[in-house]
PDB file of N, CA and C in Angstrom:
ATOM      1  N   MET A   1      33.743 -15.019 -11.246  1.00  0.00           N
ATOM      2  CA  MET A   1      34.365 -15.119  -9.950  1.00  0.00           C
ATOM      3  C   MET A   1      35.852 -15.401 -10.173  1.00  0.00           C
ATOM      4  N   ASN A   2      36.753 -14.646  -9.554  1.00  0.00           N
ATOM      5  CA  ASN A   2      38.172 -14.889  -9.724  1.00  0.00           C
ATOM      6  C   ASN A   2      38.694 -15.874  -8.689  1.00  0.00           C
ATOM      7  N   GLU A   3      39.986 -16.222  -8.803  1.00  0.00           N
ATOM      8  CA  GLU A   3      40.559 -17.244  -7.942  1.00  0.00           C
ATOM      9  C   GLU A   3      40.549 -16.874  -6.459  1.00  0.00           C
ATOM     10  N   THR A   4      40.577 -15.584  -6.148  1.00  0.00           N
ATOM     11  CA  THR A   4      40.645 -15.175  -4.745  1.00  0.00           C
ATOM     12  C   THR A   4      39.268 -15.011  -4.109  1.00  0.00           C
ATOM     13  N   THR A   5      38.217 -15.101  -4.890  1.00  0.00           N
ATOM     14  CA  THR A   5      36.865 -14.979  -4.357  1.00  0.00           C
ATOM     15  C   THR A   5      36.440 -16.314  -3.764  1.00  0.00           C
ATOM     16  N   ARG A   6      35.974 -16.271  -2.518  1.00  0.00           N
ATOM     17  CA  ARG A   6      35.556 -17.505  -1.849  1.00  0.00           C
ATOM     18  C   ARG A   6      34.061 -17.456  -1.583  1.00  0.00           C
ATOM     19  N   THR A   7      33.397 -18.577  -1.860  1.00  0.00           N
ATOM     20  CA  THR A   7      31.981 -18.712  -1.546  1.00  0.00           C
ATOM     21  C   THR A   7      31.855 -19.804  -0.502  1.00  0.00           C
ATOM     22  N   GLN A   8      31.045 -19.534   0.510  1.00  0.00           N
ATOM     23  CA  GLN A   8      30.840 -20.512   1.577  1.00  0.00           C
ATOM     24  C   GLN A   8      29.380 -20.521   1.985  1.00  0.00           C
ATOM     25  N   GLN A   9      28.976 -21.573   2.670  1.00  0.00           N
ATOM     26  CA  GLN A   9      27.622 -21.643   3.221  1.00  0.00           C
ATOM     27  C   GLN A   9      27.537 -20.655   4.378  1.00  0.00           C
ATOM     28  N   GLN A  10      26.439 -19.950   4.468  1.00  0.00           N
ATOM     29  CA  GLN A  10      26.253 -18.969   5.528  1.00  0.00           C
ATOM     30  C   GLN A  10      25.213 -19.479   6.501  1.00  0.00           C
ATOM     31  N   LYS A  11      25.481 -19.388   7.799  1.00  0.00           N
ATOM     32  CA  LYS A  11      24.527 -19.871   8.788  1.00  0.00           C
ATOM     33  C   LYS A  11      24.012 -18.772   9.694  1.00  0.00           C
ATOM     34  N   LYS A  12      24.893 -18.125  10.464  1.00  0.00           N
ATOM     35  CA  LYS A  12      24.468 -17.105  11.429  1.00  0.00           C
ATOM     36  C   LYS A  12      25.406 -15.913  11.398  1.00  0.00           C
ATOM     37  N   ILE A  13      24.841 -14.732  11.671  1.00  0.00           N
ATOM     38  CA  ILE A  13      25.670 -13.553  11.886  1.00  0.00           C
ATOM     39  C   ILE A  13      25.063 -12.704  12.994  1.00  0.00           C
ATOM     40  N   LYS A  14      25.901 -11.903  13.606  1.00  0.00           N
ATOM     41  CA  LYS A  14      25.493 -10.980  14.664  1.00  0.00           C
ATOM     42  C   LYS A  14      25.433  -9.581  14.054  1.00  0.00           C
ATOM     43  N   THR A  15      24.318  -8.866  14.300  1.00  0.00           N
ATOM     44  CA  THR A  15      24.116  -7.533  13.737  1.00  0.00           C
ATOM     45  C   THR A  15      23.618  -6.571  14.818  1.00  0.00           C
ATOM     46  N   PRO A  16      23.700  -5.272  14.558  1.00  0.00           N
ATOM     47  CA  PRO A  16      23.002  -4.332  15.436  1.00  0.00           C
ATOM     48  C   PRO A  16      21.493  -4.565  15.314  1.00  0.00           C
ATOM     49  N   PRO A  17      20.695  -4.033  16.219  1.00  0.00           N
ATOM     50  CA  PRO A  17      19.235  -4.208  16.125  1.00  0.00           C
ATOM     51  C   PRO A  17      18.682  -3.670  14.796  1.00  0.00           C
ATOM     52  N   PHE A  18      17.629  -4.325  14.299  1.00  0.00           N
ATOM     53  CA  PHE A  18      16.967  -3.924  13.058  1.00  0.00           C
ATOM     54  C   PHE A  18      15.740  -3.068  13.355  1.00  0.00           C
ATOM     55  N   ILE A  19      15.350  -2.253  12.357  1.00  0.00           N
ATOM     56  CA  ILE A  19      14.041  -1.610  12.439  1.00  0.00           C
ATOM     57  C   ILE A  19      13.001  -2.646  12.019  1.00  0.00           C
ATOM     58  N   ASP A  20      11.738  -2.423  12.380  1.00  0.00           N
ATOM     59  CA  ASP A  20      10.678  -3.408  12.142  1.00  0.00           C
ATOM     60  C   ASP A  20      10.538  -3.811  10.673  1.00  0.00           C
ATOM     61  N   GLU A  21      10.665  -2.844   9.746  1.00  0.00           N
ATOM     62  CA  GLU A  21      10.488  -3.151   8.324  1.00  0.00           C
ATOM     63  C   GLU A  21      11.541  -4.141   7.835  1.00  0.00           C
ATOM     64  N   VAL A  22      12.776  -3.978   8.280  1.00  0.00           N
ATOM     65  CA  VAL A  22      13.852  -4.879   7.872  1.00  0.00           C
ATOM     66  C   VAL A  22      13.605  -6.272   8.448  1.00  0.00           C
ATOM     67  N   THR A  23      13.190  -6.334   9.698  1.00  0.00           N
ATOM     68  CA  THR A  23      12.886  -7.623  10.327  1.00  0.00           C
ATOM     69  C   THR A  23      11.827  -8.375   9.521  1.00  0.00           C
ATOM     70  N   LYS A  24      10.773  -7.679   9.098  1.00  0.00           N
ATOM     71  CA  LYS A  24       9.705  -8.315   8.320  1.00  0.00           C
ATOM     72  C   LYS A  24      10.219  -8.857   6.996  1.00  0.00           C
ATOM     73  N   VAL A  25      11.037  -8.078   6.297  1.00  0.00           N
ATOM     74  CA  VAL A  25      11.559  -8.505   4.994  1.00  0.00           C
ATOM     75  C   VAL A  25      12.458  -9.720   5.150  1.00  0.00           C
ATOM     76  N   ILE A  26      13.366  -9.670   6.104  1.00  0.00           N
ATOM     77  CA  ILE A  26      14.300 -10.779   6.292  1.00  0.00           C
ATOM     78  C   ILE A  26      13.560 -12.054   6.688  1.00  0.00           C
ATOM     79  N   LYS A  27      12.587 -11.937   7.588  1.00  0.00           N
ATOM     80  CA  LYS A  27      11.811 -13.115   7.993  1.00  0.00           C
ATOM     81  C   LYS A  27      10.993 -13.671   6.826  1.00  0.00           C
ATOM     82  N   ALA A  28      10.507 -12.788   5.952  1.00  0.00           N
ATOM     83  CA  ALA A  28       9.713 -13.232   4.806  1.00  0.00           C
ATOM     84  C   ALA A  28      10.528 -14.095   3.840  1.00  0.00           C
ATOM     85  N   HIS A  29      11.841 -13.995   3.908  1.00  0.00           N
ATOM     86  CA  HIS A  29      12.718 -14.777   3.040  1.00  0.00           C
ATOM     87  C   HIS A  29      13.302 -15.992   3.753  1.00  0.00           C
ATOM     88  N   GLY A  30      12.715 -16.366   4.891  1.00  0.00           N
ATOM     89  CA  GLY A  30      13.082 -17.610   5.554  1.00  0.00           C
ATOM     90  C   GLY A  30      14.134 -17.517   6.640  1.00  0.00           C
ATOM     91  N   CYS A  31      14.540 -16.322   6.998  1.00  0.00           N
ATOM     92  CA  CYS A  31      15.548 -16.159   8.051  1.00  0.00           C
ATOM     93  C   CYS A  31      14.876 -16.107   9.419  1.00  0.00           C
ATOM     94  N   GLU A  32      15.616 -16.507  10.430  1.00  0.00           N
ATOM     95  CA  GLU A  32      15.148 -16.384  11.809  1.00  0.00           C
ATOM     96  C   GLU A  32      15.978 -15.297  12.482  1.00  0.00           C
ATOM     97  N   ILE A  33      15.331 -14.498  13.331  1.00  0.00           N
ATOM     98  CA  ILE A  33      16.026 -13.417  14.028  1.00  0.00           C
ATOM     99  C   ILE A  33      15.752 -13.540  15.514  1.00  0.00           C
ATOM    100  N   VAL A  34      16.827 -13.549  16.292  1.00  0.00           N
ATOM    101  CA  VAL A  34      16.712 -13.518  17.747  1.00  0.00           C
ATOM    102  C   VAL A  34      17.222 -12.144  18.177  1.00  0.00           C
ATOM    103  N   GLU A  35      16.342 -11.389  18.844  1.00  0.00           N
ATOM    104  CA  GLU A  35      16.688 -10.032  19.230  1.00  0.00           C
ATOM    105  C   GLU A  35      17.087  -9.962  20.701  1.00  0.00           C
ATOM    106  N   TYR A  36      18.217  -9.305  20.948  1.00  0.00           N
ATOM    107  CA  TYR A  36      18.690  -9.023  22.293  1.00  0.00           C
ATOM    108  C   TYR A  36      18.669  -7.516  22.483  1.00  0.00           C
ATOM    109  N   ALA A  37      19.032  -7.027  23.642  1.00  0.00           N
ATOM    110  CA  ALA A  37      18.954  -5.588  23.930  1.00  0.00           C
ATOM    111  C   ALA A  37      19.778  -4.746  22.962  1.00  0.00           C
ATOM    112  N   ASP A  38      20.995  -5.171  22.676  1.00  0.00           N
ATOM    113  CA  ASP A  38      21.861  -4.330  21.842  1.00  0.00           C
ATOM    114  C   ASP A  38      22.391  -5.012  20.582  1.00  0.00           C
ATOM    115  N   TYR A  39      21.860  -6.181  20.234  1.00  0.00           N
ATOM    116  CA  TYR A  39      22.237  -6.839  18.985  1.00  0.00           C
ATOM    117  C   TYR A  39      21.200  -7.904  18.622  1.00  0.00           C
ATOM    118  N   CYS A  40      21.315  -8.403  17.390  1.00  0.00           N
ATOM    119  CA  CYS A  40      20.464  -9.489  16.896  1.00  0.00           C
ATOM    120  C   CYS A  40      21.351 -10.596  16.364  1.00  0.00           C
ATOM    121  N   VAL A  41      20.831 -11.808  16.356  1.00  0.00           N
ATOM    122  CA  VAL A  41      21.494 -12.927  15.691  1.00  0.00           C
ATOM    123  C   VAL A  41      20.552 -13.393  14.581  1.00  0.00           C
ATOM    124  N   VAL A  42      21.050 -13.354  13.354  1.00  0.00           N
ATOM    125  CA  VAL A  42      20.273 -13.766  12.192  1.00  0.00           C
ATOM    126  C   VAL A  42      20.738 -15.163  11.781  1.00  0.00           C
ATOM    127  N   THR A  43      19.796 -16.078  11.663  1.00  0.00           N
ATOM    128  CA  THR A  43      20.077 -17.430  11.173  1.00  0.00           C
ATOM    129  C   THR A  43      19.478 -17.543   9.777  1.00  0.00           C
ATOM    130  N   PHE A  44      20.315 -17.894   8.820  1.00  0.00           N
ATOM    131  CA  PHE A  44      19.889 -17.982   7.436  1.00  0.00           C
ATOM    132  C   PHE A  44      19.402 -19.385   7.108  1.00  0.00           C
ATOM    133  N   PRO A  45      18.489 -19.510   6.135  1.00  0.00           N
ATOM    134  CA  PRO A  45      18.009 -20.844   5.753  1.00  0.00           C
ATOM    135  C   PRO A  45      19.105 -21.670   5.084  1.00  0.00           C
ATOM    136  N   GLU A  46      18.951 -22.981   5.140  1.00  0.00           N
ATOM    137  CA  GLU A  46      19.886 -23.901   4.498  1.00  0.00           C
ATOM    138  C   GLU A  46      20.001 -23.548   3.020  1.00  0.00           C
ATOM    139  N   GLY A  47      21.218 -23.539   2.513  1.00  0.00           N
ATOM    140  CA  GLY A  47      21.448 -23.212   1.109  1.00  0.00           C
ATOM    141  C   GLY A  47      21.855 -21.777   0.864  1.00  0.00           C
ATOM    142  N   THR A  48      21.916 -20.947   1.910  1.00  0.00           N
ATOM    143  CA  THR A  48      22.363 -19.562   1.783  1.00  0.00           C
ATOM    144  C   THR A  48      23.870 -19.547   1.575  1.00  0.00           C
ATOM    145  N   THR A  49      24.339 -18.710   0.622  1.00  0.00           N
ATOM    146  CA  THR A  49      25.777 -18.612   0.371  1.00  0.00           C
ATOM    147  C   THR A  49      26.277 -17.198   0.662  1.00  0.00           C
ATOM    148  N   ARG A  50      27.567 -17.113   0.938  1.00  0.00           N
ATOM    149  CA  ARG A  50      28.224 -15.840   1.265  1.00  0.00           C
ATOM    150  C   ARG A  50      29.518 -15.777   0.459  1.00  0.00           C
ATOM    151  N   THR A  51      29.654 -14.712  -0.357  1.00  0.00           N
ATOM    152  CA  THR A  51      30.809 -14.563  -1.237  1.00  0.00           C
ATOM    153  C   THR A  51      31.467 -13.217  -0.982  1.00  0.00           C
ATOM    154  N   GLU A  52      32.781 -13.227  -0.782  1.00  0.00           N
ATOM    155  CA  GLU A  52      33.509 -11.970  -0.610  1.00  0.00           C
ATOM    156  C   GLU A  52      33.484 -11.233  -1.947  1.00  0.00           C
ATOM    157  N   ILE A  53      33.129  -9.931  -1.920  1.00  0.00           N
ATOM    158  CA  ILE A  53      32.925  -9.224  -3.191  1.00  0.00           C
ATOM    159  C   ILE A  53      33.913  -8.102  -3.449  1.00  0.00           C
ATOM    160  N   PHE A  54      34.636  -7.659  -2.455  1.00  0.00           N
ATOM    161  CA  PHE A  54      35.609  -6.590  -2.645  1.00  0.00           C
ATOM    162  C   PHE A  54      36.935  -7.029  -2.033  1.00  0.00           C
ATOM    163  N   PRO A  55      38.034  -6.454  -2.489  1.00  0.00           N
ATOM    164  CA  PRO A  55      39.287  -6.756  -1.792  1.00  0.00           C
ATOM    165  C   PRO A  55      39.136  -6.378  -0.319  1.00  0.00           C
ATOM    166  N   ARG A  56      39.671  -7.198   0.539  1.00  0.00           N
ATOM    167  CA  ARG A  56      39.533  -6.968   1.974  1.00  0.00           C
ATOM    168  C   ARG A  56      40.315  -5.731   2.377  1.00  0.00           C
ATOM    169  N   LEU A  57      39.607  -4.799   2.975  1.00  0.00           N
ATOM    170  CA  LEU A  57      40.212  -3.593   3.511  1.00  0.00           C
ATOM    171  C   LEU A  57      40.040  -3.653   5.019  1.00  0.00           C
ATOM    172  N   TYR A  58      39.671  -2.547   5.629  1.00  0.00           N
ATOM    173  CA  TYR A  58      39.439  -2.545   7.075  1.00  0.00           C
ATOM    174  C   TYR A  58      38.259  -3.446   7.440  1.00  0.00           C
ATOM    175  N   ASN A  59      37.168  -3.331   6.670  1.00  0.00           N
ATOM    176  CA  ASN A  59      35.982  -4.159   6.881  1.00  0.00           C
ATOM    177  C   ASN A  59      35.793  -5.076   5.681  1.00  0.00           C
ATOM    178  N   ALA A  60      35.587  -6.348   5.943  1.00  0.00           N
ATOM    179  CA  ALA A  60      35.309  -7.295   4.858  1.00  0.00           C
ATOM    180  C   ALA A  60      33.878  -7.084   4.359  1.00  0.00           C
ATOM    181  N   ARG A  61      33.674  -7.263   3.050  1.00  0.00           N
ATOM    182  CA  ARG A  61      32.357  -7.081   2.443  1.00  0.00           C
ATOM    183  C   ARG A  61      31.976  -8.341   1.686  1.00  0.00           C
ATOM    184  N   TYR A  62      30.688  -8.711   1.825  1.00  0.00           N
ATOM    185  CA  TYR A  62      30.217  -9.966   1.243  1.00  0.00           C
ATOM    186  C   TYR A  62      28.860  -9.776   0.576  1.00  0.00           C
ATOM    187  N   GLN A  63      28.574 -10.648  -0.384  1.00  0.00           N
ATOM    188  CA  GLN A  63      27.229 -10.762  -0.953  1.00  0.00           C
ATOM    189  C   GLN A  63      26.640 -12.048  -0.403  1.00  0.00           C
ATOM    190  N   ILE A  64      25.488 -11.940   0.249  1.00  0.00           N
ATOM    191  CA  ILE A  64      24.786 -13.099   0.771  1.00  0.00           C
ATOM    192  C   ILE A  64      23.595 -13.355  -0.142  1.00  0.00           C
ATOM    193  N   THR A  65      23.479 -14.585  -0.621  1.00  0.00           N
ATOM    194  CA  THR A  65      22.376 -14.959  -1.493  1.00  0.00           C
ATOM    195  C   THR A  65      21.580 -16.063  -0.819  1.00  0.00           C
ATOM    196  N   LEU A  66      20.303 -15.778  -0.564  1.00  0.00           N
ATOM    197  CA  LEU A  66      19.419 -16.761   0.050  1.00  0.00           C
ATOM    198  C   LEU A  66      18.919 -17.732  -1.012  1.00  0.00           C
ATOM    199  N   PRO A  67      18.426 -18.894  -0.613  1.00  0.00           N
ATOM    200  CA  PRO A  67      17.971 -19.901  -1.583  1.00  0.00           C
ATOM    201  C   PRO A  67      16.905 -19.397  -2.560  1.00  0.00           C
ATOM    202  N   ASP A  68      16.083 -18.418  -2.137  1.00  0.00           N
ATOM    203  CA  ASP A  68      15.043 -17.902  -3.036  1.00  0.00           C
ATOM    204  C   ASP A  68      15.554 -16.804  -3.968  1.00  0.00           C
ATOM    205  N   GLY A  69      16.865 -16.507  -3.919  1.00  0.00           N
ATOM    206  CA  GLY A  69      17.457 -15.504  -4.799  1.00  0.00           C
ATOM    207  C   GLY A  69      17.586 -14.126  -4.182  1.00  0.00           C
ATOM    208  N   PHE A  70      16.977 -13.891  -3.024  1.00  0.00           N
ATOM    209  CA  PHE A  70      17.074 -12.606  -2.345  1.00  0.00           C
ATOM    210  C   PHE A  70      18.533 -12.350  -1.978  1.00  0.00           C
ATOM    211  N   GLN A  71      19.004 -11.109  -2.212  1.00  0.00           N
ATOM    212  CA  GLN A  71      20.395 -10.779  -1.948  1.00  0.00           C
ATOM    213  C   GLN A  71      20.542  -9.700  -0.892  1.00  0.00           C
ATOM    214  N   VAL A  72      21.583  -9.847  -0.106  1.00  0.00           N
ATOM    215  CA  VAL A  72      21.913  -8.924   0.970  1.00  0.00           C
ATOM    216  C   VAL A  72      23.411  -8.665   0.890  1.00  0.00           C
ATOM    217  N   ARG A  73      23.831  -7.427   1.121  1.00  0.00           N
ATOM    218  CA  ARG A  73      25.256  -7.133   1.243  1.00  0.00           C
ATOM    219  C   ARG A  73      25.589  -7.062   2.723  1.00  0.00           C
ATOM    220  N   GLU A  74      26.725  -7.611   3.074  1.00  0.00           N
ATOM    221  CA  GLU A  74      27.183  -7.612   4.467  1.00  0.00           C
ATOM    222  C   GLU A  74      28.511  -6.878   4.556  1.00  0.00           C
ATOM    223  N   MET A  75      28.642  -6.021   5.553  1.00  0.00           N
ATOM    224  CA  MET A  75      29.916  -5.404   5.866  1.00  0.00           C
ATOM    225  C   MET A  75      30.263  -5.817   7.294  1.00  0.00           C
ATOM    226  N   TYR A  76      31.320  -6.599   7.446  1.00  0.00           N
ATOM    227  CA  TYR A  76      31.696  -7.133   8.749  1.00  0.00           C
ATOM    228  C   TYR A  76      32.718  -6.221   9.413  1.00  0.00           C
ATOM    229  N   ASP A  77      32.373  -5.743  10.595  1.00  0.00           N
ATOM    230  CA  ASP A  77      33.264  -4.895  11.389  1.00  0.00           C
ATOM    231  C   ASP A  77      34.021  -5.783  12.373  1.00  0.00           C
ATOM    232  N   ARG A  78      35.306  -6.003  12.115  1.00  0.00           N
ATOM    233  CA  ARG A  78      36.110  -6.892  12.954  1.00  0.00           C
ATOM    234  C   ARG A  78      36.274  -6.373  14.380  1.00  0.00           C
ATOM    235  N   CYS A  79      36.310  -5.059  14.552  1.00  0.00           N
ATOM    236  CA  CYS A  79      36.486  -4.496  15.894  1.00  0.00           C
ATOM    237  C   CYS A  79      35.251  -4.732  16.763  1.00  0.00           C
ATOM    238  N   ARG A  80      34.083  -4.544  16.191  1.00  0.00           N
ATOM    239  CA  ARG A  80      32.834  -4.725  16.940  1.00  0.00           C
ATOM    240  C   ARG A  80      32.327  -6.158  16.877  1.00  0.00           C
ATOM    241  N   GLU A  81      32.904  -6.953  15.993  1.00  0.00           N
ATOM    242  CA  GLU A  81      32.469  -8.326  15.754  1.00  0.00           C
ATOM    243  C   GLU A  81      30.983  -8.402  15.447  1.00  0.00           C
ATOM    244  N   GLN A  82      30.547  -7.466  14.593  1.00  0.00           N
ATOM    245  CA  GLN A  82      29.165  -7.408  14.126  1.00  0.00           C
ATOM    246  C   GLN A  82      29.150  -7.086  12.647  1.00  0.00           C
ATOM    247  N   SER A  83      28.043  -7.428  12.002  1.00  0.00           N
ATOM    248  CA  SER A  83      27.863  -7.147  10.577  1.00  0.00           C
ATOM    249  C   SER A  83      26.742  -6.151  10.368  1.00  0.00           C
ATOM    250  N   LEU A  84      26.917  -5.273   9.397  1.00  0.00           N
ATOM    251  CA  LEU A  84      25.825  -4.422   8.928  1.00  0.00           C
ATOM    252  C   LEU A  84      25.275  -5.073   7.668  1.00  0.00           C
ATOM    253  N   LEU A  85      23.955  -5.157   7.551  1.00  0.00           N
ATOM    254  CA  LEU A  85      23.319  -5.754   6.384  1.00  0.00           C
ATOM    255  C   LEU A  85      22.636  -4.683   5.559  1.00  0.00           C
ATOM    256  N   PHE A  86      22.737  -4.799   4.240  1.00  0.00           N
ATOM    257  CA  PHE A  86      22.100  -3.895   3.300  1.00  0.00           C
ATOM    258  C   PHE A  86      21.246  -4.744   2.370  1.00  0.00           C
ATOM    259  N   LEU A  87      19.926  -4.553   2.407  1.00  0.00           N
ATOM    260  CA  LEU A  87      18.997  -5.343   1.597  1.00  0.00           C
ATOM    261  C   LEU A  87      19.052  -4.840   0.159  1.00  0.00           C
ATOM    262  N   LEU A  88      19.181  -5.768  -0.806  1.00  0.00           N
ATOM    263  CA  LEU A  88      19.328  -5.378  -2.209  1.00  0.00           C
ATOM    264  C   LEU A  88      18.104  -5.645  -3.058  1.00  0.00           C
ATOM    265  N   SER A  89      17.469  -6.796  -2.852  1.00  0.00           N
ATOM    266  CA  SER A  89      16.386  -7.140  -3.783  1.00  0.00           C
ATOM    267  C   SER A  89      15.175  -7.632  -3.046  1.00  0.00           C
TER     268      SER A  89
END
């Protein structure tokens, strides 16, 4: 990790709606999901960390690591104020 990389505790993020398979996987790793008509709010378990992984361009990109080791990549869209999640492991 270099000097400009920041790691922080992760609590909640707003995302577009998930398909059922993604919801099942995320919940299986201890996350809570509240679904609304056009977005979801994901609450991560205590001990989840979020680390910026690429130089910040238009969209910030992060690696989220849950306490059980499960990893997710996040791409935060500042204009929409929502994150896209990509399940890794």
